[in-house]
Amino acid sequence: MKNSKVFELVINAVQFSAGLDDLKHKTRRREYVDARRIAYYILRNVHGFSFQSIAKEFDKNHASVIHGIRDFDFLLKSDKILNEIYNQSCNRIAQGDIRKEQIMQEIQELQAEFLTLI
């Protein structure tokens, strides 16, 4: 799967679980900051993206991503709501609720590309 698809999958899952419209919205409101931390954590620890690539996707500095991930471990243990949003996001990604839609779109794109080759 392309990197942009993975970013889109994770961002959509976290946005839905947190009840937010735009995870990349430039704000310091707690719910957005915490949701971005969840996305950073999943992208880094589950999918293995570099700090720099995650920062670029969110239009942030790599140090912001490092700080968000470092704080996330503590917050996950102490904040029940954050823990619930994290678990819901992981479940949505694992179940493929969003992934099915992306796979169907990718199949359609490949079919269109295939038809141009014939």
Protein backbone atom coordinates (compact mmCIF):
# COMPACT_ATOMS: atom_id res chain seq x y z
CA MET A 1 0.00 0.00 0.00
CA LYS A 2 1.28 3.46 -0.84
CA ASN A 3 2.44 5.70 2.00
CA SER A 4 -0.25 8.29 1.26
CA LYS A 5 -2.92 5.59 1.56
CA VAL A 6 -1.59 4.50 4.97
CA PHE A 7 -1.54 8.10 6.19
CA GLU A 8 -5.08 8.61 4.92
CA LEU A 9 -6.29 5.38 6.56
CA VAL A 10 -4.82 6.23 9.96
CA ILE A 11 -5.92 9.87 9.88
CA ASN A 12 -9.48 8.95 8.90
CA ALA A 13 -9.71 6.28 11.61
CA VAL A 14 -8.45 8.64 14.32
CA GLN A 15 -10.68 11.50 13.13
CA PHE A 16 -13.74 9.27 13.20
CA SER A 17 -12.92 7.78 16.62
CA ALA A 18 -12.21 11.21 18.12
CA GLY A 19 -15.23 12.83 16.49
CA LEU A 20 -13.16 15.50 14.74
CA ASP A 21 -13.55 16.96 11.27
CA ASP A 22 -9.96 17.74 10.32
CA LEU A 23 -7.08 16.25 12.28
CA LYS A 24 -4.59 18.48 10.47
CA HIS A 25 -6.41 21.66 11.53
CA LYS A 26 -3.92 24.17 12.96
CA THR A 27 -5.14 24.44 16.53
CA ARG A 28 -3.84 23.75 20.01
CA ARG A 29 -7.17 22.58 21.37
CA ARG A 30 -6.63 19.54 23.55
CA GLU A 31 -8.86 17.16 21.58
CA TYR A 32 -6.94 17.91 18.36
CA VAL A 33 -3.53 17.67 20.01
CA ASP A 34 -4.41 14.33 21.61
CA ALA A 35 -5.84 12.97 18.35
CA ARG A 36 -2.67 13.96 16.49
CA ARG A 37 -0.62 12.18 19.18
CA ILE A 38 -2.61 9.02 18.54
CA ALA A 39 -2.00 9.29 14.80
CA TYR A 40 1.72 9.98 15.33
CA TYR A 41 2.00 6.97 17.62
CA ILE A 42 0.23 4.59 15.23
CA LEU A 43 2.16 5.83 12.20
CA ARG A 44 5.51 5.52 13.99
CA ASN A 45 5.12 2.38 16.10
CA VAL A 46 2.76 0.31 13.96
CA HIS A 47 3.69 1.36 10.43
CA GLY A 48 7.32 2.40 11.05
CA PHE A 49 7.29 5.82 9.39
CA SER A 50 10.10 8.24 10.17
CA PHE A 51 9.55 11.26 12.38
CA GLN A 52 10.31 13.48 9.40
CA SER A 53 7.73 11.86 7.10
CA ILE A 54 5.04 12.04 9.79
CA ALA A 55 5.91 15.68 10.47
CA LYS A 56 5.73 16.52 6.78
CA GLU A 57 2.27 14.96 6.47
CA PHE A 58 0.95 17.05 9.37
CA ASP A 59 2.91 20.19 8.42
CA LYS A 60 4.79 20.07 11.72
CA ASN A 61 8.40 19.93 12.87
CA HIS A 62 9.85 16.46 13.53
CA ALA A 63 10.53 17.53 17.12
CA SER A 64 6.77 18.07 17.59
CA VAL A 65 6.17 14.48 16.52
CA ILE A 66 8.87 13.16 18.88
CA HIS A 67 7.41 15.17 21.76
CA GLY A 68 3.87 14.01 20.98
CA ILE A 69 4.88 10.35 20.92
CA ARG A 70 6.97 10.62 24.09
CA ASP A 71 4.06 12.17 26.01
CA PHE A 72 1.57 9.72 24.54
CA ASP A 73 2.86 6.71 26.48
CA PHE A 74 2.17 8.43 29.81
CA LEU A 75 -1.18 9.87 28.70
CA LEU A 76 -2.37 6.50 27.40
CA LYS A 77 -2.03 5.05 30.89
CA SER A 78 -3.57 7.98 32.75
CA ASP A 79 -6.32 9.29 30.43
CA LYS A 80 -9.20 6.83 29.96
CA ILE A 81 -10.83 8.83 27.14
CA LEU A 82 -7.58 9.00 25.19
CA ASN A 83 -7.08 5.27 25.73
CA GLU A 84 -10.59 4.58 24.42
CA ILE A 85 -10.07 6.72 21.30
CA TYR A 86 -6.74 4.97 20.67
CA ASN A 87 -8.33 1.52 20.99
CA GLN A 88 -11.26 2.47 18.74
CA SER A 89 -8.84 3.83 16.13
CA CYS A 90 -6.76 0.66 16.20
CA ASN A 91 -9.88 -1.49 15.92
CA ARG A 92 -11.16 0.51 12.95
CA ILE A 93 -7.83 0.12 11.20
CA ALA A 94 -7.63 -3.61 12.00
CA GLN A 95 -11.21 -4.34 10.97
CA GLY A 96 -10.69 -2.54 7.72
CA ASP A 97 -13.85 -0.43 7.90
CA ILE A 98 -12.08 2.36 6.09
CA ARG A 99 -9.64 0.05 4.32
CA LYS A 100 -12.41 -1.67 2.33
CA GLU A 101 -13.43 1.64 0.80
CA GLN A 102 -9.82 2.47 -0.06
CA ILE A 103 -9.23 -0.95 -1.62
CA MET A 104 -12.33 -0.57 -3.79
CA GLN A 105 -11.12 2.85 -4.94
CA GLU A 106 -7.66 1.47 -5.70
CA ILE A 107 -9.20 -1.41 -7.71
CA GLN A 108 -11.20 1.08 -9.76
CA GLU A 109 -8.09 3.16 -10.41
CA LEU A 110 -6.14 0.07 -11.49
CA GLN A 111 -8.97 -1.06 -13.77
CA ALA A 112 -9.05 2.35 -15.43
CA GLU A 113 -5.28 2.27 -15.85
CA PHE A 114 -5.45 -1.27 -17.25
CA LEU A 115 -8.04 -0.21 -19.83
CA THR A 116 -5.74 2.55 -21.07
CA LEU A 117 -2.96 0.00 -21.59
CA ILE A 118 -5.07 -2.27 -23.81
